[in-house]
Protein backbone atom coordinates (compact mmCIF):
# COMPACT_ATOMS: atom_id res chain seq x y z
CA MET A 1 0.00 0.00 0.00
CA GLY A 2 1.46 3.43 -0.94
CA THR A 3 2.40 5.94 1.72
CA CYS A 4 -0.32 8.48 0.80
CA ARG A 5 -3.00 5.79 0.59
CA ALA A 6 -1.93 4.35 3.94
CA SER A 7 -1.97 7.83 5.50
CA ARG A 8 -5.50 8.46 4.23
CA LEU A 9 -6.67 5.11 5.56
CA THR A 10 -5.14 5.86 8.97
CA ALA A 11 -6.93 9.22 9.10
CA VAL A 12 -10.28 7.66 8.11
CA VAL A 13 -10.02 4.86 10.69
CA LEU A 14 -8.96 7.33 13.37
CA ALA A 15 -11.83 9.67 12.54
CA VAL A 16 -14.33 6.83 12.94
CA VAL A 17 -12.82 5.80 16.28
CA LEU A 18 -12.75 9.33 17.61
CA ALA A 19 -16.24 10.15 16.39
CA GLY A 20 -17.51 7.01 18.09
CA GLY A 21 -15.93 8.26 21.29
CA GLY A 22 -17.86 11.52 21.15
CA LEU A 23 -15.20 13.82 19.63
CA ALA A 24 -16.77 17.07 18.44
CA ALA A 25 -17.04 17.44 14.66
CA GLN A 26 -15.05 20.67 14.67
CA GLN A 27 -12.10 18.88 16.28
CA LEU A 28 -12.01 16.39 13.42
CA GLU A 29 -11.20 19.24 11.05
CA TYR A 30 -7.79 19.54 12.72
CA LEU A 31 -7.02 15.82 12.63
CA PRO A 32 -4.51 16.00 9.71
CA TRP A 33 -2.45 18.49 11.74
CA ILE A 34 -2.47 16.24 14.81
CA LEU A 35 -1.10 13.18 13.01
CA LYS A 36 2.64 12.72 12.59
CA TYR A 37 3.76 11.36 9.21
CA ASN A 38 6.82 9.35 8.27
CA SER A 39 6.81 10.56 4.66
CA GLY A 40 4.81 12.08 1.84
CA GLN A 41 4.49 15.57 3.30
CA ASN A 42 5.61 19.00 2.09
CA ILE A 43 8.38 21.48 2.93
CA GLN A 44 7.47 24.87 4.35
CA PRO A 45 10.16 27.54 3.83
CA ILE A 46 10.43 30.00 6.74
CA PHE A 47 11.50 33.66 6.81
CA HIS A 48 13.05 34.42 10.22
CA GLY A 49 13.81 38.12 9.77
CA TRP A 50 16.49 40.43 8.36
CA SER A 51 19.67 42.07 9.62
CA GLU A 52 21.96 44.85 8.46
CA ARG A 53 25.29 43.81 6.97
CA PRO A 54 28.46 45.52 8.29
CA GLY A 55 29.57 46.38 4.75
CA GLY A 56 26.18 47.73 3.71
CA GLY A 57 23.00 46.11 2.50
CA PHE A 58 20.89 43.55 4.29
CA ARG A 59 20.70 39.81 4.89
CA MET A 60 17.43 37.86 4.75
CA HIS A 61 17.43 34.82 7.06
CA PHE A 62 15.64 31.60 6.11
CA GLY A 63 14.95 28.18 7.57
CA TYR A 64 12.51 25.41 6.74
CA LEU A 65 10.11 22.84 8.09
CA ASN A 66 10.16 19.41 6.45
CA ARG A 67 6.81 18.17 7.75
CA ASN A 68 7.94 14.55 7.65
CA TYR A 69 9.33 12.94 10.78
CA VAL A 70 11.52 10.42 8.91
CA GLU A 71 11.77 11.15 5.16
CA HIS A 72 14.72 13.19 3.92
CA LEU A 73 13.84 15.12 0.77
CA HIS A 74 16.00 16.06 -2.22
CA VAL A 75 14.78 19.05 -4.24
CA PRO A 76 17.35 20.35 -6.76
CA VAL A 77 17.72 24.07 -7.39
CA GLY A 78 15.40 25.15 -10.18
CA GLU A 79 11.71 25.84 -10.57
CA SER A 80 10.95 23.46 -7.67
CA ASN A 81 13.48 25.11 -5.33
CA SER A 82 13.85 28.73 -6.30
CA LEU A 83 14.84 32.11 -4.94
CA ASP A 84 13.64 34.82 -7.29
CA LEU A 85 16.58 37.16 -6.64
CA ASP A 86 18.20 35.44 -9.64
CA ALA A 87 15.52 34.29 -12.07
CA ALA A 88 18.14 32.80 -14.40
CA THR A 89 19.46 30.22 -11.91
CA HIS A 90 17.05 30.39 -8.92
CA ASP A 91 20.20 29.80 -6.85
CA GLN A 92 21.10 31.75 -3.71
CA GLY A 93 22.89 28.99 -1.82
CA GLN A 94 19.73 27.39 -0.41
CA PRO A 95 19.80 23.71 0.60
CA THR A 96 18.66 21.00 -1.79
CA PHE A 97 18.76 18.24 0.84
CA PHE A 98 16.16 18.63 3.56
CA TYR A 99 16.30 16.90 6.93
CA PRO A 100 13.08 16.09 8.81
CA ARG A 101 11.27 18.74 10.85
CA PHE A 102 12.38 22.29 11.75
CA HIS A 103 15.76 23.72 10.75
CA ASN A 104 16.01 27.32 11.86
CA PHE A 105 18.32 30.01 10.44
CA ALA A 106 19.65 27.54 7.87
CA PHE A 107 21.06 30.19 5.51
CA GLY A 108 20.98 33.85 4.59
CA VAL A 109 20.59 35.77 1.34
CA ASP A 110 22.29 39.15 0.88
CA VAL A 111 20.39 41.99 -0.81
CA PRO A 112 21.68 45.47 -1.70
CA ALA A 113 21.27 48.63 0.35
CA ASP A 114 18.70 50.01 -2.12
CA TRP A 115 16.41 46.97 -1.72
CA GLY A 116 13.55 49.17 -0.56
CA ASP A 117 10.13 47.56 -0.22
CA ARG A 118 10.72 44.70 -2.67
CA GLU A 119 9.98 41.10 -1.69
CA LEU A 120 12.26 38.06 -1.85
CA VAL A 121 10.42 34.75 -2.25
CA TRP A 122 11.79 31.27 -1.57
CA ALA A 123 9.45 28.65 -3.03
CA VAL A 124 9.76 24.86 -2.75
CA THR A 125 7.60 22.31 -4.56
CA VAL A 126 7.57 18.72 -3.31
CA ASN A 127 4.99 15.93 -3.23
CA GLY A 128 2.70 17.95 -5.47
CA ARG A 129 2.54 21.04 -3.26
CA THR A 130 4.27 24.43 -3.48
CA ASP A 131 4.99 26.43 -0.33
CA SER A 132 6.89 29.68 0.00
CA ALA A 133 8.36 32.19 2.43
CA VAL A 134 8.16 35.91 1.59
CA ALA A 135 10.89 38.19 2.95
CA TRP A 136 10.92 41.98 3.02
CA LEU A 137 12.33 44.73 5.20
CA GLN A 138 9.48 45.02 7.67
CA PRO A 139 11.00 47.15 10.49
CA GLU A 140 9.60 44.89 13.22
CA TRP A 141 11.41 41.90 11.69
CA GLU A 142 14.95 43.24 12.15
CA ILE A 143 17.08 40.76 14.15
CA SER A 144 20.71 40.25 15.12
CA ASP A 145 22.58 38.29 12.47
CA PRO A 146 22.74 34.66 13.71
CA ALA A 147 25.80 34.13 11.49
CA ALA A 148 27.71 36.58 13.69
CA SER A 149 27.34 34.29 16.67
CA GLY A 150 26.48 30.97 15.08
CA THR A 151 23.41 30.65 17.29
CA SER A 152 19.99 32.23 17.64
CA ARG A 153 20.78 33.21 21.26
CA GLU A 154 23.15 35.76 22.77
CA PRO A 155 26.72 34.33 23.03
CA GLU A 156 29.07 34.75 25.98
CA ALA A 157 30.69 38.18 26.08
CA GLY A 158 34.20 38.27 24.63
CA ASN A 159 33.98 34.86 22.98
CA GLU A 160 34.84 34.68 19.30
CA ALA A 161 33.63 31.91 17.01
CA PRO A 162 36.15 29.23 15.97
CA THR A 163 37.65 29.36 12.50
CA VAL A 164 37.41 26.31 10.26
CA THR A 165 38.99 25.39 6.92
CA VAL A 166 38.20 22.15 5.09
CA GLU A 167 40.95 20.38 3.17
CA PRO A 168 39.99 19.38 -0.42
CA VAL A 169 38.30 16.00 -0.72
CA PRO A 170 39.16 13.74 -3.70
CA ALA A 171 36.48 12.08 -5.82
CA VAL A 172 35.45 8.64 -4.59
CA THR A 173 33.81 5.57 -6.15
CA LEU A 174 31.03 3.48 -4.63
CA PRO A 175 31.07 1.81 -2.21
CA ALA A 176 32.44 5.11 -1.01
CA ALA A 177 33.98 6.18 2.27
CA VAL A 178 36.36 9.11 2.52
CA ALA A 179 38.16 10.88 5.36
CA ILE A 180 37.46 14.60 5.66
CA THR A 181 39.96 16.76 7.53
CA THR A 182 39.50 20.29 8.82
CA ARG A 183 41.87 22.80 10.38
CA VAL A 184 40.34 24.67 13.32
CA ALA A 185 41.44 27.42 15.70
CA ASP A 186 39.75 29.00 18.71
CA ASP A 187 40.33 31.58 21.44
CA GLY A 188 39.81 29.10 24.30
CA LEU A 189 36.48 30.61 25.37
CA PRO A 190 34.07 29.95 26.93
CA VAL A 191 35.71 28.72 30.11
CA GLY A 192 33.70 25.92 31.70
CA GLU A 193 30.40 24.63 30.42
CA PRO A 194 28.23 26.97 28.31
CA ALA A 195 24.62 27.54 29.25
CA VAL A 196 22.35 24.62 28.36
CA ARG A 197 19.29 25.45 26.31
CA ALA A 198 16.05 24.02 27.67
CA LEU A 199 14.40 21.25 25.68
CA ALA A 200 11.55 22.21 23.41
CA VAL A 201 8.13 20.97 24.47
CA GLY A 202 5.39 19.98 22.07
CA GLN A 203 5.56 19.02 18.41
CA GLU A 204 9.37 18.77 18.33
CA THR A 205 9.83 16.49 21.32
CA PRO A 206 10.59 12.84 20.49
CA PRO A 207 7.38 11.15 19.29
CA THR A 208 5.78 8.76 21.75
CA LEU A 209 2.75 6.50 21.74
CA LEU A 210 1.00 8.68 24.35
CA PRO A 211 -0.92 11.93 23.77
CA GLY A 212 -0.05 15.12 25.56
CA PRO A 213 -2.08 16.13 28.62
CA ASP A 214 -4.39 18.41 26.62
CA SER A 215 -4.29 16.75 23.21
CA VAL A 216 -6.81 14.64 21.36
CA GLU A 217 -6.18 10.90 21.61
CA SER A 218 -4.29 10.01 18.43
CA PRO A 219 -1.78 7.40 17.26
CA VAL A 220 1.77 8.33 16.39
CA ASN A 221 3.44 6.43 13.58
CA VAL A 222 7.16 7.07 14.03
CA LEU A 223 9.96 5.85 16.24
CA GLN A 224 12.22 8.28 18.05
CA ILE A 225 14.80 9.73 15.66
CA PRO A 226 17.74 12.03 16.40
CA PRO A 227 17.95 15.59 15.10
CA ALA A 228 20.39 16.54 12.37
CA PRO A 229 23.95 16.70 13.79
CA ASP A 230 24.25 20.45 13.27
CA ARG A 231 21.54 20.88 15.97
CA THR A 232 19.59 23.48 14.00
CA THR A 233 16.41 21.51 14.46
CA ALA A 234 13.92 22.86 17.00
CA TRP A 235 13.99 19.61 18.96
CA LEU A 236 17.20 19.63 20.98
CA GLY A 237 18.07 16.58 23.03
CA PRO A 238 21.02 16.32 25.43
CA ASP A 239 24.17 17.91 24.02
CA THR A 240 26.48 15.01 23.17
CA ARG A 241 29.16 17.11 21.50
CA PRO A 242 32.70 16.92 22.93
CA LYS A 243 33.93 19.60 25.31
CA GLY A 244 35.92 22.32 23.64
CA VAL A 245 35.89 22.73 19.87
CA SER A 246 34.33 20.10 17.62
CA VAL A 247 33.12 19.85 14.03
CA SER A 248 29.92 18.20 12.84
CA TRP A 249 28.71 17.53 9.29
CA ILE A 250 25.49 17.43 7.31
CA VAL A 251 24.62 17.02 3.64
CA TRP A 252 23.72 20.50 2.38
CA ARG A 253 23.20 19.56 -1.24
CA GLY A 254 23.12 16.08 -2.68
CA PRO A 255 20.88 13.25 -3.88
CA ALA A 256 20.90 11.15 -0.70
CA PRO A 257 21.97 11.05 2.96
CA ALA A 258 25.53 10.36 4.03
CA THR A 259 26.74 9.05 7.36
CA PHE A 260 29.55 10.67 9.34
CA ASP A 261 31.74 8.90 11.88
CA PRO A 262 32.18 10.40 14.36
CA VAL A 263 29.12 12.61 14.19
CA HIS A 264 30.94 15.25 16.24
CA SER A 265 34.68 15.21 15.59
CA PRO A 266 36.78 16.73 18.42
CA ASP A 267 39.65 19.15 17.87
CA GLU A 268 42.98 17.37 18.21
CA ASN A 269 45.92 19.76 17.91
CA GLY A 270 44.08 22.07 15.55
CA ARG A 271 42.64 19.36 13.29
CA THR A 272 39.51 17.22 13.11
CA THR A 273 38.86 14.11 11.03
CA THR A 274 35.55 12.51 10.10
CA THR A 275 34.79 9.60 7.75
CA ALA A 276 31.90 10.23 5.36
CA THR A 277 30.16 7.22 3.79
CA PHE A 278 27.92 7.52 0.71
CA THR A 279 25.43 5.05 -0.79
CA GLN A 280 24.45 6.84 -4.02
CA PRO A 281 26.51 8.52 -6.75
CA GLY A 282 26.27 12.21 -7.43
CA ALA A 283 27.62 15.62 -6.55
CA TYR A 284 27.48 16.44 -2.85
CA GLU A 285 28.01 19.68 -0.98
CA LEU A 286 28.71 19.04 2.69
CA ARG A 287 28.44 21.62 5.46
CA ALA A 288 30.80 21.64 8.44
CA THR A 289 29.77 23.36 11.66
CA ALA A 290 32.68 24.16 13.97
CA THR A 291 31.54 25.07 17.47
CA ASP A 292 32.90 25.78 20.93
CA ARG A 293 29.33 25.05 22.16
CA ASP A 294 28.67 28.77 22.44
CA ARG A 295 29.55 30.20 19.02
CA SER A 296 29.85 28.49 15.66
CA ALA A 297 31.29 28.91 12.18
CA LEU A 298 30.42 27.21 8.90
CA ALA A 299 32.42 25.81 5.98
CA HIS A 300 31.43 23.86 2.87
CA VAL A 301 33.19 21.29 0.73
CA THR A 302 32.16 19.46 -2.46
CA VAL A 303 32.57 15.73 -2.99
CA THR A 304 32.03 13.83 -6.24
CA VAL A 305 30.82 10.25 -5.77
CA ARG A 306 31.03 8.00 -8.83
CA GLY A 307 28.95 4.88 -9.45
CA GLU A 308 30.43 1.41 -9.20
């Protein structure tokens, strides 16, 4: 049975059960938003706000919600994944590989100082549905640039983000595993453990088979799954990253997931090493996040994976 057909059947059966239990008809209207889906759902681009750039102009900040709890989605740049700042290519560095659930402040797009009241639209079409985020310079939406601190919260005073440089990665052939090395440097701050962010409560907590205290009785169809290793997802579990500086990796652009071992590679004498393993051929762009667990910096590297 296909995923969509199975999802519809689940919703119909659940509606009958709930209606039989006396659930009000108006509550049934919200049933599709209560259910949690493994796959088959859409991507919702998100506009988080804008910030002024030190050299002039502005930066529009975007994230996304992949409404699936399990399925990773690949949407190449083009008409199905477009930013209209460049109609010829639709390309402003946005991801093409989408991890499940929320990923906040994933990237920024720079616009000139004379942008005025124009709009910048990021539109993504997947599973037969197009969703978009519209960005413009609404005064109330001005924020601090998350790229300046690497987080969406205020960093420790005096602490500078690490620097990270990725060494070139040679092309590999399936079955493919390749070591990726970075050079990192840091100022030694913060001293001690950084503040721990409280866990999110609600939709982004690990799915369970029990409803919340005020929610409608409903089944949940997914096992617990970890967030993406860059920790941009809204659901944040215990911080398992090494103390001090470490580097984690995700697929930013590419046709399929890759695995990274270790997930968080610790700094050893100014270098980190991670082994990336691929299962499908194609061109991949990988994103490294170097962090001292208070501030972060990003770097990208491309890897070509050939077929067997």
